[in-house]
Amino acid sequence: MADKLMFIKDVAERLGRSEAQVRWMIQQNTAPKHAKIAGRVCFRESDVEAFIAEAFESAERTSTAAAV
């Protein structure tokens, strides 16, 4: 089954950011994996979820290292 495609508005809502902030993330190469399809920036839902999971894993590694 194919992933649902998300657009900037959808990703902004999922991340709790504004659309402008997501566009800035794209420019800074800090946004979830994305592609331009038919002139629109698209994200796969699984890539956005993986981006969120990686952020939590990174935070856990940082807090664990600080505790040692």
PDB file of N, CA and C in Angstrom:
ATOM      1  N   MET A   1       0.841  -1.181   0.000  1.00  0.00           N
ATOM      2  CA  MET A   1       0.000   0.000   0.000  1.00  0.00           C
ATOM      3  C   MET A   1       0.887   1.246   0.000  1.00  0.00           C
ATOM      4  N   ALA A   2       0.568   2.185  -0.835  1.00  0.00           N
ATOM      5  CA  ALA A   2       1.370   3.397  -0.967  1.00  0.00           C
ATOM      6  C   ALA A   2       1.130   4.338   0.208  1.00  0.00           C
ATOM      7  N   ASP A   3       2.183   5.058   0.549  1.00  0.00           N
ATOM      8  CA  ASP A   3       2.075   6.074   1.587  1.00  0.00           C
ATOM      9  C   ASP A   3       1.148   7.195   1.148  1.00  0.00           C
ATOM     10  N   LYS A   4       0.510   7.790   2.113  1.00  0.00           N
ATOM     11  CA  LYS A   4      -0.280   8.984   1.854  1.00  0.00           C
ATOM     12  C   LYS A   4       0.694  10.133   1.592  1.00  0.00           C
ATOM     13  N   LEU A   5       0.411  10.952   0.578  1.00  0.00           N
ATOM     14  CA  LEU A   5       1.230  12.128   0.327  1.00  0.00           C
ATOM     15  C   LEU A   5       0.733  13.280   1.181  1.00  0.00           C
ATOM     16  N   MET A   6       1.670  13.996   1.738  1.00  0.00           N
ATOM     17  CA  MET A   6       1.350  15.162   2.548  1.00  0.00           C
ATOM     18  C   MET A   6       1.964  16.380   1.878  1.00  0.00           C
ATOM     19  N   PHE A   7       1.334  17.512   2.039  1.00  0.00           N
ATOM     20  CA  PHE A   7       1.831  18.747   1.473  1.00  0.00           C
ATOM     21  C   PHE A   7       2.286  19.649   2.618  1.00  0.00           C
ATOM     22  N   ILE A   8       2.866  20.784   2.288  1.00  0.00           N
ATOM     23  CA  ILE A   8       3.433  21.669   3.308  1.00  0.00           C
ATOM     24  C   ILE A   8       2.426  21.973   4.410  1.00  0.00           C
ATOM     25  N   LYS A   9       1.192  22.244   4.035  1.00  0.00           N
ATOM     26  CA  LYS A   9       0.163  22.554   5.039  1.00  0.00           C
ATOM     27  C   LYS A   9      -0.023  21.379   6.005  1.00  0.00           C
ATOM     28  N   ASP A  10      -0.089  20.167   5.458  1.00  0.00           N
ATOM     29  CA  ASP A  10      -0.284  18.971   6.281  1.00  0.00           C
ATOM     30  C   ASP A  10       0.896  18.751   7.236  1.00  0.00           C
ATOM     31  N   VAL A  11       2.099  18.922   6.719  1.00  0.00           N
ATOM     32  CA  VAL A  11       3.297  18.720   7.524  1.00  0.00           C
ATOM     33  C   VAL A  11       3.382  19.783   8.619  1.00  0.00           C
ATOM     34  N   ALA A  12       3.044  21.009   8.266  1.00  0.00           N
ATOM     35  CA  ALA A  12       3.056  22.092   9.259  1.00  0.00           C
ATOM     36  C   ALA A  12       2.111  21.764  10.408  1.00  0.00           C
ATOM     37  N   GLU A  13       0.929  21.282  10.090  1.00  0.00           N
ATOM     38  CA  GLU A  13      -0.034  20.909  11.134  1.00  0.00           C
ATOM     39  C   GLU A  13       0.504  19.758  11.980  1.00  0.00           C
ATOM     40  N   ARG A  14       1.104  18.759  11.337  1.00  0.00           N
ATOM     41  CA  ARG A  14       1.600  17.582  12.058  1.00  0.00           C
ATOM     42  C   ARG A  14       2.748  17.947  12.989  1.00  0.00           C
ATOM     43  N   LEU A  15       3.606  18.891  12.545  1.00  0.00           N
ATOM     44  CA  LEU A  15       4.762  19.284  13.349  1.00  0.00           C
ATOM     45  C   LEU A  15       4.462  20.430  14.305  1.00  0.00           C
ATOM     46  N   GLY A  16       3.269  21.013  14.191  1.00  0.00           N
ATOM     47  CA  GLY A  16       2.931  22.141  15.048  1.00  0.00           C
ATOM     48  C   GLY A  16       3.701  23.394  14.676  1.00  0.00           C
ATOM     49  N   ARG A  17       3.975  23.552  13.403  1.00  0.00           N
ATOM     50  CA  ARG A  17       4.722  24.694  12.879  1.00  0.00           C
ATOM     51  C   ARG A  17       3.875  25.422  11.853  1.00  0.00           C
ATOM     52  N   SER A  18       4.319  26.611  11.493  1.00  0.00           N
ATOM     53  CA  SER A  18       3.625  27.343  10.425  1.00  0.00           C
ATOM     54  C   SER A  18       4.130  26.828   9.081  1.00  0.00           C
ATOM     55  N   GLU A  19       3.383  27.118   8.039  1.00  0.00           N
ATOM     56  CA  GLU A  19       3.816  26.731   6.696  1.00  0.00           C
ATOM     57  C   GLU A  19       5.128  27.415   6.348  1.00  0.00           C
ATOM     58  N   ALA A  20       5.293  28.659   6.776  1.00  0.00           N
ATOM     59  CA  ALA A  20       6.539  29.382   6.510  1.00  0.00           C
ATOM     60  C   ALA A  20       7.722  28.698   7.190  1.00  0.00           C
ATOM     61  N   GLN A  21       7.511  28.188   8.402  1.00  0.00           N
ATOM     62  CA  GLN A  21       8.591  27.489   9.102  1.00  0.00           C
ATOM     63  C   GLN A  21       8.975  26.206   8.380  1.00  0.00           C
ATOM     64  N   VAL A  22       7.997  25.490   7.833  1.00  0.00           N
ATOM     65  CA  VAL A  22       8.304  24.273   7.073  1.00  0.00           C
ATOM     66  C   VAL A  22       9.070  24.636   5.809  1.00  0.00           C
ATOM     67  N   ARG A  23       8.674  25.706   5.140  1.00  0.00           N
ATOM     68  CA  ARG A  23       9.412  26.146   3.945  1.00  0.00           C
ATOM     69  C   ARG A  23      10.856  26.510   4.309  1.00  0.00           C
ATOM     70  N   TRP A  24      11.049  27.156   5.450  1.00  0.00           N
ATOM     71  CA  TRP A  24      12.385  27.501   5.918  1.00  0.00           C
ATOM     72  C   TRP A  24      13.190  26.230   6.193  1.00  0.00           C
ATOM     73  N   MET A  25      12.558  25.244   6.805  1.00  0.00           N
ATOM     74  CA  MET A  25      13.230  23.972   7.060  1.00  0.00           C
ATOM     75  C   MET A  25      13.683  23.324   5.748  1.00  0.00           C
ATOM     76  N   ILE A  26      12.847  23.427   4.721  1.00  0.00           N
ATOM     77  CA  ILE A  26      13.208  22.877   3.415  1.00  0.00           C
ATOM     78  C   ILE A  26      14.452  23.595   2.893  1.00  0.00           C
ATOM     79  N   GLN A  27      14.466  24.925   2.978  1.00  0.00           N
ATOM     80  CA  GLN A  27      15.607  25.708   2.508  1.00  0.00           C
ATOM     81  C   GLN A  27      16.887  25.376   3.286  1.00  0.00           C
ATOM     82  N   GLN A  28      16.752  25.096   4.559  1.00  0.00           N
ATOM     83  CA  GLN A  28      17.900  24.807   5.429  1.00  0.00           C
ATOM     84  C   GLN A  28      18.280  23.320   5.425  1.00  0.00           C
ATOM     85  N   ASN A  29      17.560  22.507   4.656  1.00  0.00           N
ATOM     86  CA  ASN A  29      17.786  21.057   4.588  1.00  0.00           C
ATOM     87  C   ASN A  29      17.612  20.380   5.940  1.00  0.00           C
ATOM     88  N   THR A  30      16.642  20.873   6.719  1.00  0.00           N
ATOM     89  CA  THR A  30      16.348  20.256   8.014  1.00  0.00           C
ATOM     90  C   THR A  30      14.936  19.667   8.047  1.00  0.00           C
ATOM     91  N   ALA A  31      14.249  19.695   6.924  1.00  0.00           N
ATOM     92  CA  ALA A  31      12.877  19.181   6.833  1.00  0.00           C
ATOM     93  C   ALA A  31      12.904  17.672   6.597  1.00  0.00           C
ATOM     94  N   PRO A  32      11.776  17.001   6.841  1.00  0.00           N
ATOM     95  CA  PRO A  32      11.696  15.587   6.480  1.00  0.00           C
ATOM     96  C   PRO A  32      11.955  15.413   4.983  1.00  0.00           C
ATOM     97  N   LYS A  33      12.314  14.202   4.595  1.00  0.00           N
ATOM     98  CA  LYS A  33      12.564  13.898   3.193  1.00  0.00           C
ATOM     99  C   LYS A  33      11.356  14.311   2.355  1.00  0.00           C
ATOM    100  N   HIS A  34      11.606  14.962   1.231  1.00  0.00           N
ATOM    101  CA  HIS A  34      10.536  15.485   0.400  1.00  0.00           C
ATOM    102  C   HIS A  34      10.946  15.459  -1.061  1.00  0.00           C
ATOM    103  N   ALA A  35       9.968  15.664  -1.928  1.00  0.00           N
ATOM    104  CA  ALA A  35      10.222  15.715  -3.368  1.00  0.00           C
ATOM    105  C   ALA A  35       9.228  16.673  -3.998  1.00  0.00           C
ATOM    106  N   LYS A  36       9.588  17.179  -5.152  1.00  0.00           N
ATOM    107  CA  LYS A  36       8.672  18.046  -5.886  1.00  0.00           C
ATOM    108  C   LYS A  36       7.977  17.188  -6.934  1.00  0.00           C
ATOM    109  N   ILE A  37       6.667  17.129  -6.857  1.00  0.00           N
ATOM    110  CA  ILE A  37       5.869  16.351  -7.789  1.00  0.00           C
ATOM    111  C   ILE A  37       4.842  17.291  -8.409  1.00  0.00           C
ATOM    112  N   ALA A  38       4.859  17.392  -9.711  1.00  0.00           N
ATOM    113  CA  ALA A  38       3.936  18.273 -10.440  1.00  0.00           C
ATOM    114  C   ALA A  38       3.985  19.701  -9.890  1.00  0.00           C
ATOM    115  N   GLY A  39       5.185  20.146  -9.536  1.00  0.00           N
ATOM    116  CA  GLY A  39       5.354  21.513  -9.074  1.00  0.00           C
ATOM    117  C   GLY A  39       5.033  21.761  -7.613  1.00  0.00           C
ATOM    118  N   ARG A  40       4.650  20.729  -6.873  1.00  0.00           N
ATOM    119  CA  ARG A  40       4.323  20.886  -5.451  1.00  0.00           C
ATOM    120  C   ARG A  40       5.273  20.065  -4.608  1.00  0.00           C
ATOM    121  N   VAL A  41       5.674  20.632  -3.478  1.00  0.00           N
ATOM    122  CA  VAL A  41       6.527  19.899  -2.550  1.00  0.00           C
ATOM    123  C   VAL A  41       5.649  18.888  -1.812  1.00  0.00           C
ATOM    124  N   CYS A  42       6.058  17.623  -1.884  1.00  0.00           N
ATOM    125  CA  CYS A  42       5.298  16.538  -1.259  1.00  0.00           C
ATOM    126  C   CYS A  42       6.184  15.777  -0.283  1.00  0.00           C
ATOM    127  N   PHE A  43       5.558  15.253   0.731  1.00  0.00           N
ATOM    128  CA  PHE A  43       6.217  14.439   1.743  1.00  0.00           C
ATOM    129  C   PHE A  43       5.448  13.124   1.842  1.00  0.00           C
ATOM    130  N   ARG A  44       6.146  12.033   2.054  1.00  0.00           N
ATOM    131  CA  ARG A  44       5.459  10.779   2.355  1.00  0.00           C
ATOM    132  C   ARG A  44       5.176  10.769   3.843  1.00  0.00           C
ATOM    133  N   GLU A  45       4.000  10.308   4.204  1.00  0.00           N
ATOM    134  CA  GLU A  45       3.610  10.265   5.609  1.00  0.00           C
ATOM    135  C   GLU A  45       4.633   9.487   6.443  1.00  0.00           C
ATOM    136  N   SER A  46       5.141   8.393   5.914  1.00  0.00           N
ATOM    137  CA  SER A  46       6.115   7.584   6.662  1.00  0.00           C
ATOM    138  C   SER A  46       7.414   8.351   6.899  1.00  0.00           C
ATOM    139  N   ASP A  47       7.811   9.213   5.958  1.00  0.00           N
ATOM    140  CA  ASP A  47       9.024  10.003   6.145  1.00  0.00           C
ATOM    141  C   ASP A  47       8.834  11.058   7.229  1.00  0.00           C
ATOM    142  N   VAL A  48       7.652  11.634   7.302  1.00  0.00           N
ATOM    143  CA  VAL A  48       7.364  12.623   8.346  1.00  0.00           C
ATOM    144  C   VAL A  48       7.354  11.935   9.709  1.00  0.00           C
ATOM    145  N   GLU A  49       6.740  10.776   9.800  1.00  0.00           N
ATOM    146  CA  GLU A  49       6.712  10.040  11.061  1.00  0.00           C
ATOM    147  C   GLU A  49       8.116   9.595  11.468  1.00  0.00           C
ATOM    148  N   ALA A  50       8.938   9.189  10.493  1.00  0.00           N
ATOM    149  CA  ALA A  50      10.321   8.802  10.788  1.00  0.00           C
ATOM    150  C   ALA A  50      11.125  10.013  11.280  1.00  0.00           C
ATOM    151  N   PHE A  51      10.858  11.176  10.726  1.00  0.00           N
ATOM    152  CA  PHE A  51      11.511  12.420  11.141  1.00  0.00           C
ATOM    153  C   PHE A  51      11.199  12.707  12.614  1.00  0.00           C
ATOM    154  N   ILE A  52       9.945  12.533  12.993  1.00  0.00           N
ATOM    155  CA  ILE A  52       9.523  12.753  14.382  1.00  0.00           C
ATOM    156  C   ILE A  52      10.179  11.718  15.299  1.00  0.00           C
ATOM    157  N   ALA A  53      10.163  10.462  14.886  1.00  0.00           N
ATOM    158  CA  ALA A  53      10.767   9.390  15.698  1.00  0.00           C
ATOM    159  C   ALA A  53      12.259   9.634  15.884  1.00  0.00           C
ATOM    160  N   GLU A  54      12.945  10.080  14.833  1.00  0.00           N
ATOM    161  CA  GLU A  54      14.380  10.356  14.931  1.00  0.00           C
ATOM    162  C   GLU A  54      14.653  11.499  15.909  1.00  0.00           C
ATOM    163  N   ALA A  55      13.783  12.493  15.915  1.00  0.00           N
ATOM    164  CA  ALA A  55      13.949  13.612  16.851  1.00  0.00           C
ATOM    165  C   ALA A  55      13.876  13.112  18.296  1.00  0.00           C
ATOM    166  N   PHE A  56      12.949  12.201  18.581  1.00  0.00           N
ATOM    167  CA  PHE A  56      12.832  11.656  19.931  1.00  0.00           C
ATOM    168  C   PHE A  56      14.020  10.765  20.268  1.00  0.00           C
ATOM    169  N   GLU A  57      14.487   9.964  19.305  1.00  0.00           N
ATOM    170  CA  GLU A  57      15.644   9.105  19.548  1.00  0.00           C
ATOM    171  C   GLU A  57      16.885   9.952  19.826  1.00  0.00           C
ATOM    172  N   SER A  58      17.047  11.030  19.083  1.00  0.00           N
ATOM    173  CA  SER A  58      18.175  11.929  19.286  1.00  0.00           C
ATOM    174  C   SER A  58      18.112  12.581  20.670  1.00  0.00           C
ATOM    175  N   ALA A  59      16.915  12.977  21.072  1.00  0.00           N
ATOM    176  CA  ALA A  59      16.744  13.592  22.388  1.00  0.00           C
ATOM    177  C   ALA A  59      17.062  12.584  23.494  1.00  0.00           C
ATOM    178  N   GLU A  60      16.668  11.337  23.302  1.00  0.00           N
ATOM    179  CA  GLU A  60      16.949  10.302  24.298  1.00  0.00           C
ATOM    180  C   GLU A  60      18.453  10.042  24.403  1.00  0.00           C
ATOM    181  N   ARG A  61      19.140  10.005  23.245  1.00  0.00           N
ATOM    182  CA  ARG A  61      20.592   9.786  23.262  1.00  0.00           C
ATOM    183  C   ARG A  61      21.289  10.937  23.977  1.00  0.00           C
ATOM    184  N   THR A  62      20.823  12.160  23.737  1.00  0.00           N
ATOM    185  CA  THR A  62      21.425  13.336  24.361  1.00  0.00           C
ATOM    186  C   THR A  62      21.190  13.318  25.859  1.00  0.00           C
ATOM    187  N   SER A  63      19.967  13.019  26.283  1.00  0.00           N
ATOM    188  CA  SER A  63      19.685  13.014  27.720  1.00  0.00           C
ATOM    189  C   SER A  63      20.385  11.865  28.423  1.00  0.00           C
ATOM    190  N   THR A  64      20.539  10.734  27.760  1.00  0.00           N
ATOM    191  CA  THR A  64      21.258   9.593  28.342  1.00  0.00           C
ATOM    192  C   THR A  64      22.732   9.926  28.489  1.00  0.00           C
ATOM    193  N   ALA A  65      23.317  10.563  27.486  1.00  0.00           N
ATOM    194  CA  ALA A  65      24.740  10.912  27.535  1.00  0.00           C
ATOM    195  C   ALA A  65      24.981  11.960  28.621  1.00  0.00           C
ATOM    196  N   ALA A  66      24.053  12.867  28.806  1.00  0.00           N
ATOM    197  CA  ALA A  66      24.207  13.900  29.826  1.00  0.00           C
ATOM    198  C   ALA A  66      24.115  13.306  31.231  1.00  0.00           C
ATOM    199  N   ALA A  67      23.373  12.218  31.380  1.00  0.00           N
ATOM    200  CA  ALA A  67      23.187  11.595  32.686  1.00  0.00           C
ATOM    201  C   ALA A  67      24.416  10.800  33.122  1.00  0.00           C
ATOM    202  N   VAL A  68      25.246  10.423  32.151  1.00  0.00           N
ATOM    203  CA  VAL A  68      26.413   9.594  32.481  1.00  0.00           C
ATOM    204  C   VAL A  68      27.548  10.391  33.006  1.00  0.00           C
TER     205      VAL A  68
END
